PDB file of all heavy atoms in Angstrom:
ATOM      1  N   ARG A   1     105.939 110.157 115.829  1.00  0.00           N
ATOM      2  CA  ARG A   1     104.938 109.294 115.199  1.00  0.00           C
ATOM      3  C   ARG A   1     104.677 109.836 113.802  1.00  0.00           C
ATOM      4  O   ARG A   1     104.128 110.919 113.634  1.00  0.00           O
ATOM      5  CB  ARG A   1     103.654 109.251 116.015  1.00  0.00           C
ATOM      6  CG  ARG A   1     102.572 108.385 115.377  1.00  0.00           C
ATOM      7  CD  ARG A   1     101.771 107.634 116.402  1.00  0.00           C
ATOM      8  NE  ARG A   1     102.593 106.666 117.125  1.00  0.00           N
ATOM      9  CZ  ARG A   1     102.152 105.925 118.137  1.00  0.00           C
ATOM     10  NH1 ARG A   1     100.909 106.045 118.563  1.00  0.00           N
ATOM     11  NH2 ARG A   1     102.955 105.053 118.741  1.00  0.00           N
ATOM     12  N   ILE A   2     105.091 109.099 112.797  1.00  0.00           N
ATOM     13  CA  ILE A   2     104.992 109.595 111.427  1.00  0.00           C
ATOM     14  C   ILE A   2     103.856 108.949 110.642  1.00  0.00           C
ATOM     15  O   ILE A   2     103.532 109.397 109.544  1.00  0.00           O
ATOM     16  CB  ILE A   2     106.320 109.401 110.664  1.00  0.00           C
ATOM     17  CG1 ILE A   2     106.722 107.929 110.599  1.00  0.00           C
ATOM     18  CG2 ILE A   2     107.417 110.214 111.301  1.00  0.00           C
ATOM     19  CD1 ILE A   2     107.966 107.665 109.768  1.00  0.00           C
ATOM     20  N   MET A   3     103.231 107.933 111.211  1.00  0.00           N
ATOM     21  CA  MET A   3     102.121 107.317 110.503  1.00  0.00           C
ATOM     22  C   MET A   3     101.296 106.497 111.488  1.00  0.00           C
ATOM     23  O   MET A   3     101.849 105.777 112.327  1.00  0.00           O
ATOM     24  CB  MET A   3     102.642 106.427 109.368  1.00  0.00           C
ATOM     25  CG  MET A   3     101.574 105.838 108.458  1.00  0.00           C
ATOM     26  SD  MET A   3     101.178 104.158 108.939  1.00  0.00           S
ATOM     27  CE  MET A   3      99.708 103.900 107.961  1.00  0.00           C
ATOM     28  N   ASP A   4      99.976 106.628 111.432  1.00  0.00           N
ATOM     29  CA  ASP A   4      99.056 105.844 112.241  1.00  0.00           C
ATOM     30  C   ASP A   4      97.791 105.658 111.417  1.00  0.00           C
ATOM     31  O   ASP A   4      97.037 106.611 111.186  1.00  0.00           O
ATOM     32  CB  ASP A   4      98.748 106.560 113.559  1.00  0.00           C
ATOM     33  CG  ASP A   4      97.937 105.698 114.517  1.00  0.00           C
ATOM     34  OD1 ASP A   4      97.271 104.751 114.061  1.00  0.00           O
ATOM     35  OD2 ASP A   4      97.960 105.967 115.734  1.00  0.00           O
ATOM     36  N   SER A   5      97.564 104.438 110.953  1.00  0.00           N
ATOM     37  CA  SER A   5      96.451 104.191 110.038  1.00  0.00           C
ATOM     38  C   SER A   5      95.092 104.387 110.708  1.00  0.00           C
ATOM     39  O   SER A   5      94.073 104.493 110.025  1.00  0.00           O
ATOM     40  CB  SER A   5      96.543 102.772 109.460  1.00  0.00           C
ATOM     41  OG  SER A   5      96.379 101.800 110.476  1.00  0.00           O
ATOM     42  N   ARG A   6      95.065 104.471 112.036  1.00  0.00           N
ATOM     43  CA  ARG A   6      93.797 104.615 112.748  1.00  0.00           C
ATOM     44  C   ARG A   6      93.302 106.049 112.787  1.00  0.00           C
ATOM     45  O   ARG A   6      92.181 106.308 113.211  1.00  0.00           O
ATOM     46  CB  ARG A   6      93.956 104.091 114.183  1.00  0.00           C
ATOM     47  CG  ARG A   6      94.376 102.639 114.261  1.00  0.00           C
ATOM     48  CD  ARG A   6      94.824 102.284 115.667  1.00  0.00           C
ATOM     49  NE  ARG A   6      95.939 103.107 116.096  1.00  0.00           N
ATOM     50  CZ  ARG A   6      96.470 103.060 117.314  1.00  0.00           C
ATOM     51  NH1 ARG A   6      95.975 102.233 118.213  1.00  0.00           N
ATOM     52  NH2 ARG A   6      97.486 103.831 117.634  1.00  0.00           N
ATOM     53  N   THR A   7      94.145 107.003 112.394  1.00  0.00           N
ATOM     54  CA  THR A   7      93.781 108.413 112.452  1.00  0.00           C
ATOM     55  C   THR A   7      93.924 109.055 111.082  1.00  0.00           C
ATOM     56  O   THR A   7      94.714 108.613 110.240  1.00  0.00           O
ATOM     57  CB  THR A   7      94.662 109.168 113.451  1.00  0.00           C
ATOM     58  OG1 THR A   7      96.015 109.166 112.973  1.00  0.00           O
ATOM     59  CG2 THR A   7      94.614 108.516 114.825  1.00  0.00           C
ATOM     60  N   ASP A   8      93.173 110.128 110.867  1.00  0.00           N
ATOM     61  CA  ASP A   8      93.330 110.895 109.637  1.00  0.00           C
ATOM     62  C   ASP A   8      94.704 111.547 109.608  1.00  0.00           C
ATOM     63  O   ASP A   8      95.218 111.997 110.640  1.00  0.00           O
ATOM     64  CB  ASP A   8      92.268 111.999 109.543  1.00  0.00           C
ATOM     65  CG  ASP A   8      90.872 111.450 109.290  1.00  0.00           C
ATOM     66  OD1 ASP A   8      90.760 110.270 108.927  1.00  0.00           O
ATOM     67  OD2 ASP A   8      89.908 112.218 109.469  1.00  0.00           O
ATOM     68  N   SER A   9      95.308 111.594 108.444  1.00  0.00           N
ATOM     69  CA  SER A   9      96.530 112.352 108.235  1.00  0.00           C
ATOM     70  C   SER A   9      96.361 113.140 106.947  1.00  0.00           C
ATOM     71  O   SER A   9      95.356 112.987 106.245  1.00  0.00           O
ATOM     72  CB  SER A   9      97.749 111.426 108.168  1.00  0.00           C
ATOM     73  OG  SER A   9      97.592 110.444 107.162  1.00  0.00           O
ATOM     74  N   TRP A  10      97.295 113.999 106.651  1.00  0.00           N
ATOM     75  CA  TRP A  10      97.168 114.872 105.491  1.00  0.00           C
ATOM     76  C   TRP A  10      96.962 114.064 104.211  1.00  0.00           C
ATOM     77  O   TRP A  10      97.830 113.315 103.779  1.00  0.00           O
ATOM     78  CB  TRP A  10      98.407 115.740 105.341  1.00  0.00           C
ATOM     79  CG  TRP A  10      98.601 116.657 106.508  1.00  0.00           C
ATOM     80  CD1 TRP A  10      97.639 117.170 107.316  1.00  0.00           C
ATOM     81  CD2 TRP A  10      99.850 117.150 106.997  1.00  0.00           C
ATOM     82  NE1 TRP A  10      98.197 117.959 108.290  1.00  0.00           N
ATOM     83  CE2 TRP A  10      99.549 117.965 108.117  1.00  0.00           C
ATOM     84  CE3 TRP A  10     101.181 116.993 106.610  1.00  0.00           C
ATOM     85  CZ2 TRP A  10     100.540 118.623 108.837  1.00  0.00           C
ATOM     86  CZ3 TRP A  10     102.158 117.648 107.331  1.00  0.00           C
ATOM     87  CH2 TRP A  10     101.841 118.455 108.422  1.00  0.00           C
ATOM     88  N   GLY A  11      95.782 114.186 103.633  1.00  0.00           N
ATOM     89  CA  GLY A  11      95.516 113.538 102.365  1.00  0.00           C
ATOM     90  C   GLY A  11      95.105 112.083 102.474  1.00  0.00           C
ATOM     91  O   GLY A  11      94.843 111.449 101.458  1.00  0.00           O
ATOM     92  N   ARG A  12      95.049 111.547 103.681  1.00  0.00           N
ATOM     93  CA  ARG A  12      94.680 110.140 103.836  1.00  0.00           C
ATOM     94  C   ARG A  12      93.697 110.002 104.990  1.00  0.00           C
ATOM     95  O   ARG A  12      93.986 110.414 106.109  1.00  0.00           O
ATOM     96  CB  ARG A  12      95.908 109.276 104.121  1.00  0.00           C
ATOM     97  CG  ARG A  12      95.573 107.791 104.212  1.00  0.00           C
ATOM     98  CD  ARG A  12      96.794 106.973 104.617  1.00  0.00           C
ATOM     99  NE  ARG A  12      96.529 105.548 104.517  1.00  0.00           N
ATOM    100  CZ  ARG A  12      95.925 104.817 105.443  1.00  0.00           C
ATOM    101  NH1 ARG A  12      95.520 105.376 106.562  1.00  0.00           N
ATOM    102  NH2 ARG A  12      95.734 103.526 105.247  1.00  0.00           N
ATOM    103  N   LYS A  13      92.551 109.412 104.715  1.00  0.00           N
ATOM    104  CA  LYS A  13      91.569 109.157 105.750  1.00  0.00           C
ATOM    105  C   LYS A  13      91.986 107.946 106.576  1.00  0.00           C
ATOM    106  O   LYS A  13      92.656 107.038 106.083  1.00  0.00           O
ATOM    107  CB  LYS A  13      90.188 108.910 105.121  1.00  0.00           C
ATOM    108  CG  LYS A  13      89.561 110.142 104.485  1.00  0.00           C
ATOM    109  CD  LYS A  13      89.240 111.194 105.534  1.00  0.00           C
ATOM    110  CE  LYS A  13      88.519 112.378 104.913  1.00  0.00           C
ATOM    111  NZ  LYS A  13      88.211 113.415 105.948  1.00  0.00           N
ATOM    112  N   ALA A  14      91.575 107.947 107.831  1.00  0.00           N
ATOM    113  CA  ALA A  14      91.867 106.811 108.698  1.00  0.00           C
ATOM    114  C   ALA A  14      91.293 105.537 108.089  1.00  0.00           C
ATOM    115  O   ALA A  14      90.188 105.526 107.551  1.00  0.00           O
ATOM    116  CB  ALA A  14      91.280 107.044 110.085  1.00  0.00           C
ATOM    117  N   GLY A  15      92.047 104.470 108.164  1.00  0.00           N
ATOM    118  CA  GLY A  15      91.591 103.194 107.631  1.00  0.00           C
ATOM    119  C   GLY A  15      92.704 102.183 107.643  1.00  0.00           C
ATOM    120  O   GLY A  15      93.886 102.538 107.564  1.00  0.00           O
ATOM    121  N   PRO A  16      92.395 100.908 107.773  1.00  0.00           N
ATOM    122  CA  PRO A  16      93.426  99.879 107.872  1.00  0.00           C
ATOM    123  C   PRO A  16      94.190  99.699 106.566  1.00  0.00           C
ATOM    124  O   PRO A  16      93.754 100.132 105.492  1.00  0.00           O
ATOM    125  CB  PRO A  16      92.621  98.621 108.221  1.00  0.00           C
ATOM    126  CG  PRO A  16      91.265  98.878 107.653  1.00  0.00           C
ATOM    127  CD  PRO A  16      91.034 100.353 107.812  1.00  0.00           C
ATOM    128  N   LEU A  17      95.326  99.048 106.683  1.00  0.00           N
ATOM    129  CA  LEU A  17      96.117  98.668 105.516  1.00  0.00           C
ATOM    130  C   LEU A  17      95.560  97.351 104.986  1.00  0.00           C
ATOM    131  O   LEU A  17      95.595  96.339 105.682  1.00  0.00           O
ATOM    132  CB  LEU A  17      97.580  98.518 105.907  1.00  0.00           C
ATOM    133  CG  LEU A  17      98.568  98.098 104.821  1.00  0.00           C
ATOM    134  CD1 LEU A  17      98.580  99.108 103.686  1.00  0.00           C
ATOM    135  CD2 LEU A  17      99.973  97.935 105.412  1.00  0.00           C
ATOM    136  N   PRO A  18      95.039  97.346 103.775  1.00  0.00           N
ATOM    137  CA  PRO A  18      94.385  96.141 103.257  1.00  0.00           C
ATOM    138  C   PRO A  18      95.340  94.958 103.148  1.00  0.00           C
ATOM    139  O   PRO A  18      96.554  95.114 103.023  1.00  0.00           O
ATOM    140  CB  PRO A  18      93.890  96.577 101.877  1.00  0.00           C
ATOM    141  CG  PRO A  18      93.760  98.055 101.966  1.00  0.00           C
ATOM    142  CD  PRO A  18      94.888  98.489 102.853  1.00  0.00           C
ATOM    143  N   ALA A  19      94.761  93.784 103.194  1.00  0.00           N
ATOM    144  CA  ALA A  19      95.530  92.548 103.062  1.00  0.00           C
ATOM    145  C   ALA A  19      96.248  92.495 101.724  1.00  0.00           C
ATOM    146  O   ALA A  19      95.755  92.991 100.704  1.00  0.00           O
ATOM    147  CB  ALA A  19      94.600  91.344 103.201  1.00  0.00           C
ATOM    148  N   ARG A  20      97.455  91.929 101.760  1.00  0.00           N
ATOM    149  CA  ARG A  20      98.252  91.674 100.542  1.00  0.00           C
ATOM    150  C   ARG A  20      98.523  92.940  99.757  1.00  0.00           C
ATOM    151  O   ARG A  20      98.616  92.931  98.527  1.00  0.00           O
ATOM    152  CB  ARG A  20      97.566  90.635  99.652  1.00  0.00           C
ATOM    153  CG  ARG A  20      97.172  89.346 100.372  1.00  0.00           C
ATOM    154  CD  ARG A  20      98.365  88.611 100.930  1.00  0.00           C
ATOM    155  NE  ARG A  20      99.245  88.119  99.870  1.00  0.00           N
ATOM    156  CZ  ARG A  20     100.447  87.601 100.080  1.00  0.00           C
ATOM    157  NH1 ARG A  20     100.934  87.542 101.314  1.00  0.00           N
ATOM    158  NH2 ARG A  20     101.184  87.173  99.087  1.00  0.00           N
ATOM    159  N   SER A  21      98.668  94.067 100.468  1.00  0.00           N
ATOM    160  CA  SER A  21      98.950  95.340  99.793  1.00  0.00           C
ATOM    161  C   SER A  21     100.109  96.039 100.485  1.00  0.00           C
ATOM    162  O   SER A  21     100.605  95.576 101.520  1.00  0.00           O
ATOM    163  CB  SER A  21      97.714  96.248  99.818  1.00  0.00           C
ATOM    164  OG  SER A  21      97.469  96.727 101.134  1.00  0.00           O
ATOM    165  N   TYR A  22     100.527  97.145  99.902  1.00  0.00           N
ATOM    166  CA  TYR A  22     101.598  97.914 100.534  1.00  0.00           C
ATOM    167  C   TYR A  22     101.230  99.383 100.574  1.00  0.00           C
ATOM    168  O   TYR A  22     100.383  99.861  99.824  1.00  0.00           O
ATOM    169  CB  TYR A  22     102.935  97.706  99.809  1.00  0.00           C
ATOM    170  CG  TYR A  22     103.105  98.447  98.504  1.00  0.00           C
ATOM    171  CD1 TYR A  22     103.704  99.702  98.474  1.00  0.00           C
ATOM    172  CD2 TYR A  22     102.699  97.885  97.299  1.00  0.00           C
ATOM    173  CE1 TYR A  22     103.878 100.382  97.275  1.00  0.00           C
ATOM    174  CE2 TYR A  22     102.862  98.560  96.107  1.00  0.00           C
ATOM    175  CZ  TYR A  22     103.457  99.808  96.090  1.00  0.00           C
ATOM    176  OH  TYR A  22     103.619 100.473  94.909  1.00  0.00           O
ATOM    177  N   LEU A  23     101.893 100.084 101.478  1.00  0.00           N
ATOM    178  CA  LEU A  23     101.732 101.520 101.619  1.00  0.00           C
ATOM    179  C   LEU A  23     103.086 102.167 101.373  1.00  0.00           C
ATOM    180  O   LEU A  23     104.092 101.795 101.995  1.00  0.00           O
ATOM    181  CB  LEU A  23     101.216 101.852 103.027  1.00  0.00           C
ATOM    182  CG  LEU A  23     100.936 103.318 103.358  1.00  0.00           C
ATOM    183  CD1 LEU A  23      99.802 103.392 104.372  1.00  0.00           C
ATOM    184  CD2 LEU A  23     102.160 104.009 103.934  1.00  0.00           C
ATOM    185  N   ALA A  24     103.135 103.122 100.444  1.00  0.00           N
ATOM    186  CA  ALA A  24     104.373 103.836 100.137  1.00  0.00           C
ATOM    187  C   ALA A  24     104.462 105.076 101.018  1.00  0.00           C
ATOM    188  O   ALA A  24     103.619 105.963 100.944  1.00  0.00           O
ATOM    189  CB  ALA A  24     104.414 104.221  98.656  1.00  0.00           C
ATOM    190  N   LEU A  25     105.478 105.124 101.853  1.00  0.00           N
ATOM    191  CA  LEU A  25     105.647 106.201 102.821  1.00  0.00           C
ATOM    192  C   LEU A  25     106.855 107.042 102.424  1.00  0.00           C
ATOM    193  O   LEU A  25     107.996 106.573 102.444  1.00  0.00           O
ATOM    194  CB  LEU A  25     105.842 105.613 104.220  1.00  0.00           C
ATOM    195  CG  LEU A  25     106.014 106.597 105.373  1.00  0.00           C
ATOM    196  CD1 LEU A  25     104.759 107.441 105.549  1.00  0.00           C
ATOM    197  CD2 LEU A  25     106.334 105.843 106.656  1.00  0.00           C
ATOM    198  N   ARG A  26     106.596 108.300 102.044  1.00  0.00           N
ATOM    199  CA  ARG A  26     107.679 109.205 101.649  1.00  0.00           C
ATOM    200  C   ARG A  26     108.303 109.818 102.886  1.00  0.00           C
ATOM    201  O   ARG A  26     107.632 110.461 103.683  1.00  0.00           O
ATOM    202  CB  ARG A  26     107.147 110.309 100.731  1.00  0.00           C
ATOM    203  CG  ARG A  26     108.249 111.160 100.129  1.00  0.00           C
ATOM    204  CD  ARG A  26     107.690 112.217  99.197  1.00  0.00           C
ATOM    205  NE  ARG A  26     107.083 113.323  99.927  1.00  0.00           N
ATOM    206  CZ  ARG A  26     106.705 114.465  99.349  1.00  0.00           C
ATOM    207  NH1 ARG A  26     106.839 114.607  98.045  1.00  0.00           N
ATOM    208  NH2 ARG A  26     106.170 115.429 100.070  1.00  0.00           N
ATOM    209  N   LEU A  27     109.623 109.655 103.042  1.00  0.00           N
ATOM    210  CA  LEU A  27     110.311 110.105 104.241  1.00  0.00           C
ATOM    211  C   LEU A  27     111.192 111.324 104.011  1.00  0.00           C
ATOM    212  O   LEU A  27     111.633 111.953 104.979  1.00  0.00           O
ATOM    213  CB  LEU A  27     111.155 108.963 104.814  1.00  0.00           C
ATOM    214  CG  LEU A  27     110.344 107.767 105.325  1.00  0.00           C
ATOM    215  CD1 LEU A  27     111.262 106.627 105.732  1.00  0.00           C
ATOM    216  CD2 LEU A  27     109.462 108.172 106.489  1.00  0.00           C
ATOM    217  N   GLU A  28     111.507 111.661 102.777  1.00  0.00           N
ATOM    218  CA  GLU A  28     112.215 112.901 102.466  1.00  0.00           C
ATOM    219  C   GLU A  28     111.343 113.671 101.475  1.00  0.00           C
ATOM    220  O   GLU A  28     110.448 113.204 100.984  1.00  0.00           O
ATOM    221  CB  GLU A  28     113.598 112.622 101.897  1.00  0.00           C
ATOM    222  CG  GLU A  28     114.511 111.899 102.880  1.00  0.00           C
ATOM    223  CD  GLU A  28     115.944 111.830 102.382  1.00  0.00           C
ATOM    224  OE1 GLU A  28     116.556 112.878 102.135  1.00  0.00           O
ATOM    225  OE2 GLU A  28     116.430 110.691 102.234  1.00  0.00           O
ATOM    226  N   GLY A  29     111.679 114.869 101.120  1.00  0.00           N
ATOM    227  CA  GLY A  29     110.879 115.625 100.176  1.00  0.00           C
ATOM    228  C   GLY A  29     110.804 114.923  98.824  1.00  0.00           C
ATOM    229  O   GLY A  29     111.138 113.745  98.692  1.00  0.00           O
ATOM    230  N   ASP A  30     110.352 115.625  97.828  1.00  0.00           N
ATOM    231  CA  ASP A  30     110.282 115.063  96.481  1.00  0.00           C
ATOM    232  C   ASP A  30     111.688 115.099  95.898  1.00  0.00           C
ATOM    233  O   ASP A  30     112.055 115.994  95.142  1.00  0.00           O
ATOM    234  CB  ASP A  30     109.306 115.877  95.619  1.00  0.00           C
ATOM    235  CG  ASP A  30     109.040 115.213  94.282  1.00  0.00           C
ATOM    236  OD1 ASP A  30     109.584 114.108  94.045  1.00  0.00           O
ATOM    237  OD2 ASP A  30     108.305 115.800  93.474  1.00  0.00           O
ATOM    238  N   THR A  31     112.497 114.120  96.278  1.00  0.00           N
ATOM    239  CA  THR A  31     113.920 114.145  95.979  1.00  0.00           C
ATOM    240  C   THR A  31     114.305 113.035  95.009  1.00  0.00           C
ATOM    241  O   THR A  31     113.666 111.990  94.949  1.00  0.00           O
ATOM    242  CB  THR A  31     114.749 113.991  97.276  1.00  0.00           C
ATOM    243  OG1 THR A  31     116.143 114.040  96.961  1.00  0.00           O
ATOM    244  CG2 THR A  31     114.442 112.662  97.958  1.00  0.00           C
ATOM    245  N   THR A  32     115.365 113.287  94.266  1.00  0.00           N
ATOM    246  CA  THR A  32     116.002 112.255  93.448  1.00  0.00           C
ATOM    247  C   THR A  32     117.395 111.945  93.989  1.00  0.00           C
ATOM    248  O   THR A  32     118.116 111.148  93.418  1.00  0.00           O
ATOM    249  CB  THR A  32     116.110 112.695  91.981  1.00  0.00           C
ATOM    250  OG1 THR A  32     116.851 113.924  91.920  1.00  0.00           O
ATOM    251  CG2 THR A  32     114.729 112.902  91.384  1.00  0.00           C
ATOM    252  N   SER A  33     117.760 112.598  95.091  1.00  0.00           N
ATOM    253  CA  SER A  33     119.061 112.386  95.715  1.00  0.00           C
ATOM    254  C   SER A  33     118.889 112.420  97.232  1.00  0.00           C
ATOM    255  O   SER A  33     119.109 113.454  97.868  1.00  0.00           O
ATOM    256  CB  SER A  33     120.070 113.458  95.267  1.00  0.00           C
ATOM    257  OG  SER A  33     121.334 113.250  95.850  1.00  0.00           O
ATOM    258  N   PRO A  34     118.478 111.315  97.822  1.00  0.00           N
ATOM    259  CA  PRO A  34     118.188 111.299  99.262  1.00  0.00           C
ATOM    260  C   PRO A  34     119.398 111.676 100.109  1.00  0.00           C
ATOM    261  O   PRO A  34     120.545 111.342  99.781  1.00  0.00           O
ATOM    262  CB  PRO A  34     117.769 109.853  99.516  1.00  0.00           C
ATOM    263  CG  PRO A  34     117.315 109.335  98.189  1.00  0.00           C
ATOM    264  CD  PRO A  34     118.193 110.020  97.180  1.00  0.00           C
ATOM    265  N   ASP A  35     119.137 112.380 101.211  1.00  0.00           N
ATOM    266  CA  ASP A  35     120.178 112.749 102.164  1.00  0.00           C
ATOM    267  C   ASP A  35     120.394 111.677 103.220  1.00  0.00           C
ATOM    268  O   ASP A  35     121.393 111.713 103.936  1.00  0.00           O
ATOM    269  CB  ASP A  35     119.811 114.063 102.872  1.00  0.00           C
ATOM    270  CG  ASP A  35     119.836 115.255 101.929  1.00  0.00           C
ATOM    271  OD1 ASP A  35     120.688 115.261 101.018  1.00  0.00           O
ATOM    272  OD2 ASP A  35     119.019 116.167 102.108  1.00  0.00           O
ATOM    273  N   VAL A  36     119.459 110.760 103.350  1.00  0.00           N
ATOM    274  CA  VAL A  36     119.492 109.760 104.421  1.00  0.00           C
ATOM    275  C   VAL A  36     119.885 108.404 103.850  1.00  0.00           C
ATOM    276  O   VAL A  36     119.338 107.951 102.846  1.00  0.00           O
ATOM    277  CB  VAL A  36     118.120 109.683 105.120  1.00  0.00           C
ATOM    278  CG1 VAL A  36     118.082 108.534 106.110  1.00  0.00           C
ATOM    279  CG2 VAL A  36     117.803 111.006 105.817  1.00  0.00           C
ATOM    280  N   ASP A  37     120.845 107.754 104.523  1.00  0.00           N
ATOM    281  CA  ASP A  37     121.299 106.434 104.088  1.00  0.00           C
ATOM    282  C   ASP A  37     120.389 105.316 104.593  1.00  0.00           C
ATOM    283  O   ASP A  37     120.206 104.303 103.912  1.00  0.00           O
ATOM    284  CB  ASP A  37     122.720 106.173 104.592  1.00  0.00           C
ATOM    285  CG  ASP A  37     123.711 107.218 104.121  1.00  0.00           C
ATOM    286  OD1 ASP A  37     123.580 107.682 102.970  1.00  0.00           O
ATOM    287  OD2 ASP A  37     124.604 107.583 104.903  1.00  0.00           O
TER     288      ASP A  37
END
């Protein structure tokens, strides 16, 4: 489980995803050359 808006996570308080918006989810480190296709 990598994300659950109902619970607190590092740097983000629990709360819903607002209407007509997006959430950017980083899945690899701070990379400019991803290892995952």
